[in-house]
C-alpha cells in the first residue's frame, strides 16, 4: 500500500533572517526528495508559528486531524524540530504512530516509523528541541537582568 504523505513546512514567528530555512525552500527541498524517492504527497501544509507551546498551531492541528481520519498516513518535513519542540505535540505524534494512524515520518536526513528505536530517536530529537527552547528562554532572561543595573532603587539601562 502506497503511503499518503502530508508535506509540513514551518518556521517560527521570528524574523526571516533568523530562520535556518524558509518555508519555500523547505517545500522545494522536500518535494524534490519526494520525486526522487517516489513518495506520494497528497497535501502541503505550511505555517509561520512557534512550536514552543503545545496545541497552539492551527495548521499542525489540522494535520493531526487529517492523520486521525485517514486523509494521509505519513509526514514529510525538513527536520523533526519542524514538527515538535514541546512534549505535548511530540506525544501526539508518537500516539498516532502507536495507533498505526501515522505510518512514517520522513525528514531530509532521517526516517521514523513504528519501530522502538526509531520512535525513541524521534522523542530524543523532539526533547532536544524542547531543551534548546528552554535554555534560550533562560539565556534571554539572564541577558535582560545583566543589561539592567539598580541605581538608587531604580533600574537603569546600561
N, C-alpha and C. Protein backbone atom coordinates (compact mmCIF):
# COMPACT_ATOMS: atom_id res chain seq x y z
N UNK A 1 0.84 -1.19 0.00
CA UNK A 1 0.00 0.00 0.00
C UNK A 1 0.89 1.25 0.00
N UNK A 2 0.61 2.15 -0.92
CA UNK A 2 1.38 3.39 -1.02
C UNK A 2 0.98 4.35 0.10
N UNK A 3 1.98 4.91 0.76
CA UNK A 3 1.72 5.89 1.82
C UNK A 3 1.27 7.21 1.22
N UNK A 4 0.38 7.90 1.94
CA UNK A 4 -0.11 9.22 1.53
C UNK A 4 0.56 10.24 2.47
N UNK A 5 1.44 11.05 1.90
CA UNK A 5 2.22 12.00 2.69
C UNK A 5 1.56 13.38 2.75
N UNK A 6 1.65 13.97 3.93
CA UNK A 6 1.38 15.39 4.10
C UNK A 6 2.75 16.06 4.24
N UNK A 7 3.05 16.97 3.34
CA UNK A 7 4.29 17.73 3.46
C UNK A 7 4.00 18.90 4.40
N UNK A 8 4.73 18.96 5.51
CA UNK A 8 4.52 20.01 6.51
C UNK A 8 5.76 20.87 6.60
N UNK A 9 5.60 22.17 6.36
CA UNK A 9 6.72 23.12 6.46
C UNK A 9 6.34 24.19 7.47
N UNK A 10 7.30 24.51 8.34
CA UNK A 10 7.03 25.50 9.38
C UNK A 10 8.28 26.31 9.66
N UNK A 11 8.05 27.58 9.93
CA UNK A 11 9.08 28.42 10.55
C UNK A 11 8.42 29.11 11.72
N UNK A 12 9.21 29.46 12.69
CA UNK A 12 8.61 30.15 13.84
C UNK A 12 8.28 31.57 13.43
N UNK A 13 7.69 32.30 14.33
CA UNK A 13 7.29 33.67 14.03
C UNK A 13 8.45 34.65 14.14
N UNK A 14 9.65 34.13 14.39
CA UNK A 14 10.82 35.01 14.46
C UNK A 14 11.09 35.61 13.08
N UNK A 15 11.92 36.63 13.06
CA UNK A 15 12.23 37.30 11.81
C UNK A 15 12.87 36.34 10.81
N UNK A 16 12.65 36.61 9.53
CA UNK A 16 13.13 35.73 8.47
C UNK A 16 14.64 35.51 8.51
N UNK A 17 15.40 36.54 8.85
CA UNK A 17 16.85 36.38 8.82
C UNK A 17 17.36 35.43 9.91
N UNK A 18 16.55 35.15 10.91
CA UNK A 18 16.96 34.23 11.96
C UNK A 18 16.54 32.79 11.66
N UNK A 19 15.79 32.58 10.59
CA UNK A 19 15.33 31.25 10.25
C UNK A 19 16.40 30.51 9.47
N UNK A 20 16.62 29.24 9.82
CA UNK A 20 17.62 28.44 9.14
C UNK A 20 17.19 28.15 7.71
N UNK A 21 15.92 27.95 7.50
CA UNK A 21 15.44 27.62 6.16
C UNK A 21 14.01 28.11 6.01
N UNK A 22 13.76 28.90 4.99
CA UNK A 22 12.41 29.44 4.79
C UNK A 22 11.43 28.33 4.43
N UNK A 23 10.15 28.64 4.57
CA UNK A 23 9.11 27.68 4.23
C UNK A 23 9.22 27.27 2.76
N UNK A 24 9.42 28.24 1.89
CA UNK A 24 9.52 27.93 0.46
C UNK A 24 10.64 26.97 0.14
N UNK A 25 11.80 27.17 0.75
CA UNK A 25 12.91 26.27 0.47
C UNK A 25 12.70 24.90 1.11
N UNK A 26 12.02 24.85 2.26
CA UNK A 26 11.69 23.55 2.84
C UNK A 26 10.80 22.76 1.88
N UNK A 27 9.78 23.42 1.34
CA UNK A 27 8.85 22.76 0.43
C UNK A 27 9.59 22.30 -0.83
N UNK A 28 10.44 23.16 -1.37
CA UNK A 28 11.18 22.81 -2.59
C UNK A 28 12.09 21.60 -2.34
N UNK A 29 12.85 21.63 -1.26
CA UNK A 29 13.77 20.51 -0.96
C UNK A 29 13.01 19.20 -0.75
N UNK A 30 11.89 19.27 0.00
CA UNK A 30 11.17 18.04 0.32
C UNK A 30 10.36 17.53 -0.87
N UNK A 31 9.91 18.43 -1.75
CA UNK A 31 9.23 18.00 -2.97
C UNK A 31 10.22 17.28 -3.89
N UNK A 32 11.42 17.83 -3.98
CA UNK A 32 12.47 17.19 -4.78
C UNK A 32 12.79 15.80 -4.23
N UNK A 33 12.91 15.69 -2.90
CA UNK A 33 13.17 14.40 -2.27
C UNK A 33 12.03 13.43 -2.57
N UNK A 34 10.78 13.89 -2.48
CA UNK A 34 9.62 13.03 -2.73
C UNK A 34 9.63 12.53 -4.18
N UNK A 35 9.95 13.40 -5.12
CA UNK A 35 10.02 12.98 -6.52
C UNK A 35 11.12 11.94 -6.72
N UNK A 36 12.26 12.18 -6.12
CA UNK A 36 13.40 11.26 -6.25
C UNK A 36 13.09 9.89 -5.66
N UNK A 37 12.35 9.87 -4.53
CA UNK A 37 12.07 8.61 -3.84
C UNK A 37 10.70 8.03 -4.18
N UNK A 38 9.94 8.70 -5.03
CA UNK A 38 8.63 8.20 -5.43
C UNK A 38 7.59 8.26 -4.32
N UNK A 39 7.66 9.29 -3.48
CA UNK A 39 6.69 9.45 -2.39
C UNK A 39 5.48 10.24 -2.89
N UNK A 40 4.31 9.85 -2.46
CA UNK A 40 3.07 10.49 -2.90
C UNK A 40 2.64 11.56 -1.89
N UNK A 41 2.77 12.84 -2.28
CA UNK A 41 2.33 13.95 -1.44
C UNK A 41 0.88 14.26 -1.80
N UNK A 42 -0.03 14.10 -0.83
CA UNK A 42 -1.44 14.38 -1.09
C UNK A 42 -1.84 15.77 -0.63
N UNK A 43 -1.04 16.37 0.25
CA UNK A 43 -1.35 17.72 0.71
C UNK A 43 -0.08 18.38 1.22
N UNK A 44 0.01 19.70 1.00
CA UNK A 44 1.10 20.51 1.53
C UNK A 44 0.51 21.46 2.54
N UNK A 45 1.07 21.47 3.74
CA UNK A 45 0.62 22.38 4.79
C UNK A 45 1.82 23.20 5.22
N UNK A 46 1.57 24.48 5.43
CA UNK A 46 2.65 25.36 5.86
C UNK A 46 2.12 26.38 6.86
N UNK A 47 2.98 26.73 7.81
CA UNK A 47 2.59 27.77 8.77
C UNK A 47 3.81 28.46 9.34
N UNK A 48 3.59 29.71 9.73
CA UNK A 48 4.59 30.50 10.43
C UNK A 48 4.08 30.66 11.86
N UNK A 49 4.52 29.77 12.70
CA UNK A 49 4.01 29.75 14.06
C UNK A 49 5.02 29.04 14.94
N UNK A 50 5.26 29.56 16.11
CA UNK A 50 6.19 28.93 17.04
C UNK A 50 5.65 27.58 17.52
N UNK A 51 6.54 26.62 17.66
CA UNK A 51 6.17 25.29 18.17
C UNK A 51 6.57 25.15 19.63
N UNK A 52 6.82 26.27 20.29
CA UNK A 52 7.27 26.23 21.68
C UNK A 52 6.20 25.64 22.60
N UNK A 53 4.94 26.03 22.40
CA UNK A 53 3.86 25.58 23.27
C UNK A 53 2.96 24.58 22.55
N UNK A 54 2.46 23.64 23.29
CA UNK A 54 1.63 22.56 22.76
C UNK A 54 0.22 23.03 22.41
N UNK A 55 -0.28 22.54 21.26
CA UNK A 55 -1.68 22.73 20.91
C UNK A 55 -2.07 24.06 20.30
N UNK A 56 -1.12 24.95 20.03
CA UNK A 56 -1.46 26.29 19.56
C UNK A 56 -1.25 26.51 18.07
N UNK A 57 -0.78 25.51 17.34
CA UNK A 57 -0.54 25.69 15.91
C UNK A 57 -1.73 25.16 15.13
N UNK A 58 -2.51 26.05 14.52
CA UNK A 58 -3.73 25.60 13.84
C UNK A 58 -3.46 24.64 12.67
N UNK A 59 -2.44 24.90 11.87
CA UNK A 59 -2.17 24.04 10.72
C UNK A 59 -1.63 22.68 11.19
N UNK A 60 -0.79 22.67 12.19
CA UNK A 60 -0.31 21.41 12.76
C UNK A 60 -1.49 20.59 13.28
N UNK A 61 -2.42 21.26 13.96
CA UNK A 61 -3.60 20.56 14.48
C UNK A 61 -4.46 20.01 13.34
N UNK A 62 -4.56 20.75 12.22
CA UNK A 62 -5.27 20.24 11.04
C UNK A 62 -4.59 18.97 10.53
N UNK A 63 -3.25 18.98 10.53
CA UNK A 63 -2.52 17.81 10.06
C UNK A 63 -2.80 16.61 10.97
N UNK A 64 -2.81 16.82 12.28
CA UNK A 64 -3.12 15.73 13.20
C UNK A 64 -4.52 15.19 12.92
N UNK A 65 -5.47 16.08 12.68
CA UNK A 65 -6.83 15.65 12.35
C UNK A 65 -6.84 14.82 11.07
N UNK A 66 -6.10 15.26 10.07
CA UNK A 66 -6.00 14.52 8.81
C UNK A 66 -5.40 13.15 8.99
N UNK A 67 -4.45 13.02 9.90
CA UNK A 67 -3.88 11.70 10.21
C UNK A 67 -4.91 10.82 10.91
N UNK A 68 -5.62 11.40 11.85
CA UNK A 68 -6.62 10.63 12.60
C UNK A 68 -7.74 10.11 11.70
N UNK A 69 -8.14 10.91 10.71
CA UNK A 69 -9.27 10.49 9.87
C UNK A 69 -8.84 9.80 8.57
N UNK A 70 -7.56 9.52 8.41
CA UNK A 70 -7.08 8.74 7.27
C UNK A 70 -6.85 9.52 5.99
N UNK A 71 -6.91 10.84 6.06
CA UNK A 71 -6.64 11.67 4.87
C UNK A 71 -5.22 11.42 4.36
N UNK A 72 -4.30 11.25 5.28
CA UNK A 72 -2.93 10.84 4.96
C UNK A 72 -2.42 10.00 6.12
N UNK A 73 -1.32 9.28 5.87
CA UNK A 73 -0.79 8.37 6.90
C UNK A 73 0.72 8.50 7.08
N UNK A 74 1.28 9.58 6.52
CA UNK A 74 2.71 9.81 6.63
C UNK A 74 2.98 11.31 6.56
N UNK A 75 4.11 11.71 7.12
CA UNK A 75 4.50 13.12 7.13
C UNK A 75 5.87 13.25 6.48
N UNK A 76 6.00 14.26 5.65
CA UNK A 76 7.26 14.64 5.04
C UNK A 76 7.58 16.04 5.54
N UNK A 77 8.73 16.20 6.18
CA UNK A 77 9.10 17.50 6.73
C UNK A 77 10.61 17.63 6.74
N UNK A 78 11.10 18.88 6.78
CA UNK A 78 12.53 19.12 6.70
C UNK A 78 13.31 18.45 7.85
N UNK A 79 12.84 18.61 9.08
CA UNK A 79 13.55 18.08 10.25
C UNK A 79 12.55 17.82 11.37
N UNK A 80 12.89 16.95 12.30
CA UNK A 80 11.96 16.66 13.41
C UNK A 80 11.53 17.91 14.18
N UNK A 81 12.41 18.89 14.32
CA UNK A 81 12.05 20.08 15.09
C UNK A 81 11.03 20.96 14.37
N UNK A 82 10.76 20.70 13.10
CA UNK A 82 9.67 21.41 12.42
C UNK A 82 8.33 20.91 12.94
N UNK A 83 8.29 19.67 13.42
CA UNK A 83 7.05 19.07 13.91
C UNK A 83 6.82 19.37 15.38
N UNK A 84 7.83 19.21 16.21
CA UNK A 84 7.61 19.31 17.65
C UNK A 84 8.81 19.90 18.36
N UNK A 85 8.54 20.90 19.17
CA UNK A 85 9.52 21.49 20.07
C UNK A 85 8.93 21.55 21.48
N UNK A 86 7.94 20.69 21.72
CA UNK A 86 7.31 20.61 23.04
C UNK A 86 6.81 19.19 23.25
N UNK A 87 6.63 18.82 24.50
CA UNK A 87 6.28 17.44 24.85
C UNK A 87 4.88 17.06 24.37
N UNK A 88 3.94 17.99 24.41
CA UNK A 88 2.56 17.67 24.03
C UNK A 88 2.43 17.30 22.56
N UNK A 89 2.98 18.11 21.67
CA UNK A 89 2.90 17.82 20.24
C UNK A 89 3.68 16.56 19.89
N UNK A 90 4.83 16.39 20.51
CA UNK A 90 5.63 15.19 20.30
C UNK A 90 4.85 13.95 20.73
N UNK A 91 4.20 14.04 21.89
CA UNK A 91 3.40 12.92 22.38
C UNK A 91 2.25 12.60 21.45
N UNK A 92 1.62 13.63 20.86
CA UNK A 92 0.53 13.40 19.90
C UNK A 92 1.02 12.61 18.70
N UNK A 93 2.20 12.95 18.20
CA UNK A 93 2.75 12.23 17.04
C UNK A 93 3.05 10.78 17.39
N UNK A 94 3.69 10.56 18.54
CA UNK A 94 4.03 9.19 18.94
C UNK A 94 2.76 8.38 19.20
N UNK A 95 1.75 9.00 19.79
CA UNK A 95 0.47 8.30 19.98
C UNK A 95 -0.12 7.87 18.64
N UNK A 96 -0.06 8.74 17.63
CA UNK A 96 -0.58 8.40 16.31
C UNK A 96 0.23 7.27 15.67
N UNK A 97 1.52 7.25 15.93
CA UNK A 97 2.34 6.13 15.45
C UNK A 97 1.90 4.84 16.14
N UNK A 98 1.73 4.90 17.45
CA UNK A 98 1.31 3.72 18.21
C UNK A 98 -0.05 3.19 17.78
N UNK A 99 -0.94 4.09 17.34
CA UNK A 99 -2.28 3.69 16.88
C UNK A 99 -2.28 3.28 15.42
N UNK A 100 -1.11 3.28 14.78
CA UNK A 100 -0.95 2.96 13.36
C UNK A 100 -1.69 3.94 12.44
N UNK A 101 -1.95 5.14 12.92
CA UNK A 101 -2.54 6.19 12.10
C UNK A 101 -1.44 6.96 11.35
N UNK A 102 -0.26 7.02 11.96
CA UNK A 102 0.91 7.65 11.36
C UNK A 102 1.94 6.54 11.11
N UNK A 103 2.10 6.19 9.84
CA UNK A 103 2.95 5.07 9.47
C UNK A 103 4.42 5.45 9.32
N UNK A 104 4.65 6.72 8.93
CA UNK A 104 6.02 7.07 8.57
C UNK A 104 6.21 8.58 8.68
N UNK A 105 7.35 8.98 9.19
CA UNK A 105 7.79 10.38 9.13
C UNK A 105 9.11 10.36 8.38
N UNK A 106 9.18 11.17 7.32
CA UNK A 106 10.40 11.26 6.52
C UNK A 106 10.89 12.69 6.59
N UNK A 107 12.13 12.86 7.06
CA UNK A 107 12.77 14.16 7.06
C UNK A 107 13.86 14.14 6.00
N UNK A 108 14.56 15.25 5.86
CA UNK A 108 15.61 15.30 4.85
C UNK A 108 16.68 14.24 5.10
N UNK A 109 16.97 13.98 6.34
CA UNK A 109 18.07 13.06 6.63
C UNK A 109 17.70 11.81 7.42
N UNK A 110 16.42 11.68 7.79
CA UNK A 110 16.05 10.56 8.66
C UNK A 110 14.67 10.04 8.31
N UNK A 111 14.40 8.82 8.82
CA UNK A 111 13.08 8.21 8.69
C UNK A 111 12.67 7.66 10.04
N UNK A 112 11.38 7.78 10.34
CA UNK A 112 10.84 7.29 11.61
C UNK A 112 9.57 6.49 11.31
N UNK A 113 9.47 5.33 11.93
CA UNK A 113 8.27 4.51 11.78
C UNK A 113 7.96 3.87 13.14
N UNK A 114 7.10 2.87 13.14
CA UNK A 114 6.68 2.26 14.40
C UNK A 114 7.66 1.18 14.86
N UNK A 115 8.92 1.53 14.86
CA UNK A 115 9.97 0.67 15.41
C UNK A 115 10.44 1.32 16.71
N UNK A 116 10.64 0.54 17.75
CA UNK A 116 11.02 1.13 19.05
C UNK A 116 12.19 2.10 18.97
N UNK A 117 13.26 1.74 18.28
CA UNK A 117 14.43 2.61 18.23
C UNK A 117 14.17 3.89 17.45
N UNK A 118 13.34 3.81 16.41
CA UNK A 118 13.02 5.00 15.62
C UNK A 118 12.13 5.96 16.41
N UNK A 119 11.16 5.43 17.14
CA UNK A 119 10.31 6.29 17.99
C UNK A 119 11.15 6.91 19.10
N UNK A 120 12.07 6.13 19.66
CA UNK A 120 12.93 6.64 20.72
C UNK A 120 13.78 7.79 20.19
N UNK A 121 14.36 7.62 19.00
CA UNK A 121 15.18 8.69 18.41
C UNK A 121 14.33 9.93 18.13
N UNK A 122 13.12 9.74 17.62
CA UNK A 122 12.22 10.87 17.38
C UNK A 122 11.96 11.61 18.69
N UNK A 123 11.72 10.87 19.75
CA UNK A 123 11.46 11.50 21.05
C UNK A 123 12.70 12.21 21.58
N UNK A 124 13.87 11.64 21.37
CA UNK A 124 15.12 12.30 21.78
C UNK A 124 15.30 13.61 21.03
N UNK A 125 15.09 13.59 19.71
CA UNK A 125 15.27 14.80 18.91
C UNK A 125 14.24 15.87 19.27
N UNK A 126 13.01 15.47 19.53
CA UNK A 126 12.00 16.42 19.98
C UNK A 126 12.32 16.98 21.35
N UNK A 127 12.83 16.13 22.22
CA UNK A 127 13.22 16.59 23.56
C UNK A 127 14.42 17.53 23.49
N UNK A 128 15.32 17.26 22.57
CA UNK A 128 16.47 18.15 22.39
C UNK A 128 16.00 19.54 21.93
N UNK A 129 15.03 19.58 21.03
CA UNK A 129 14.49 20.86 20.57
C UNK A 129 13.82 21.59 21.73
N UNK A 130 13.12 20.86 22.59
CA UNK A 130 12.49 21.45 23.78
C UNK A 130 13.56 22.03 24.70
N UNK A 131 14.63 21.28 24.91
CA UNK A 131 15.74 21.75 25.75
C UNK A 131 16.33 23.05 25.18
N UNK A 132 16.50 23.11 23.87
CA UNK A 132 17.02 24.33 23.24
C UNK A 132 16.09 25.51 23.50
N UNK A 133 14.78 25.30 23.39
CA UNK A 133 13.82 26.37 23.68
C UNK A 133 13.93 26.83 25.13
N UNK A 134 13.94 25.87 26.04
CA UNK A 134 14.01 26.21 27.47
C UNK A 134 15.29 26.96 27.81
N UNK A 135 16.42 26.50 27.26
CA UNK A 135 17.70 27.18 27.51
C UNK A 135 17.72 28.57 26.91
N UNK A 136 17.12 28.74 25.74
CA UNK A 136 17.06 30.06 25.11
C UNK A 136 16.30 31.03 26.01
N UNK A 137 15.21 30.57 26.60
CA UNK A 137 14.42 31.41 27.50
C UNK A 137 15.25 31.84 28.71
N UNK A 138 15.97 30.90 29.29
CA UNK A 138 16.82 31.21 30.45
C UNK A 138 17.89 32.23 30.06
N UNK A 139 18.52 32.03 28.91
CA UNK A 139 19.59 32.92 28.48
C UNK A 139 19.08 34.32 28.17
N UNK A 140 17.90 34.42 27.59
CA UNK A 140 17.32 35.74 27.31
C UNK A 140 17.03 36.47 28.62
N UNK A 141 16.44 35.77 29.58
CA UNK A 141 16.15 36.40 30.88
C UNK A 141 17.42 36.84 31.59
N UNK A 142 18.47 36.02 31.51
CA UNK A 142 19.75 36.39 32.11
C UNK A 142 20.30 37.64 31.44
N UNK A 143 20.20 37.70 30.12
CA UNK A 143 20.68 38.87 29.38
C UNK A 143 19.94 40.12 29.76
N UNK A 144 18.64 40.00 29.96
CA UNK A 144 17.83 41.16 30.37
C UNK A 144 18.27 41.63 31.76
N UNK A 145 18.47 40.67 32.67
CA UNK A 145 18.91 41.04 34.03
C UNK A 145 20.28 41.72 33.99
N UNK A 146 21.17 41.22 33.16
CA UNK A 146 22.51 41.78 33.08
C UNK A 146 22.51 43.17 32.46
N UNK A 147 21.54 43.44 31.59
CA UNK A 147 21.52 44.75 30.95
C UNK A 147 20.88 45.81 31.84
N UNK A 148 20.34 45.37 32.96
CA UNK A 148 19.72 46.32 33.88
C UNK A 148 20.63 46.50 35.10
N UNK A 149 20.71 47.70 35.59
CA UNK A 149 21.54 47.99 36.76
C UNK A 149 20.70 48.80 37.73
N UNK A 150 20.68 48.37 38.98
CA UNK A 150 19.93 49.10 40.01
C UNK A 150 20.75 50.28 40.49
N UNK A 151 20.18 51.47 40.40
CA UNK A 151 20.85 52.68 40.87
C UNK A 151 19.81 53.45 41.70
N UNK A 152 20.08 53.60 42.98
CA UNK A 152 19.19 54.36 43.84
C UNK A 152 17.77 53.80 43.84
N UNK A 153 17.62 52.47 43.82
CA UNK A 153 16.30 51.85 43.88
C UNK A 153 15.56 51.85 42.55
N UNK A 154 16.22 52.27 41.46
CA UNK A 154 15.59 52.25 40.14
C UNK A 154 16.46 51.49 39.16
N UNK A 155 15.80 50.88 38.19
CA UNK A 155 16.53 50.15 37.16
C UNK A 155 17.05 51.15 36.13
N UNK A 156 18.32 51.07 35.84
CA UNK A 156 18.95 51.92 34.83
C UNK A 156 19.48 51.00 33.72
N UNK A 157 19.18 51.29 32.49
CA UNK A 157 19.72 50.53 31.36
C UNK A 157 21.16 50.96 31.14
N UNK A 158 21.99 49.97 30.88
CA UNK A 158 23.40 50.26 30.64
C UNK A 158 23.63 50.58 29.18
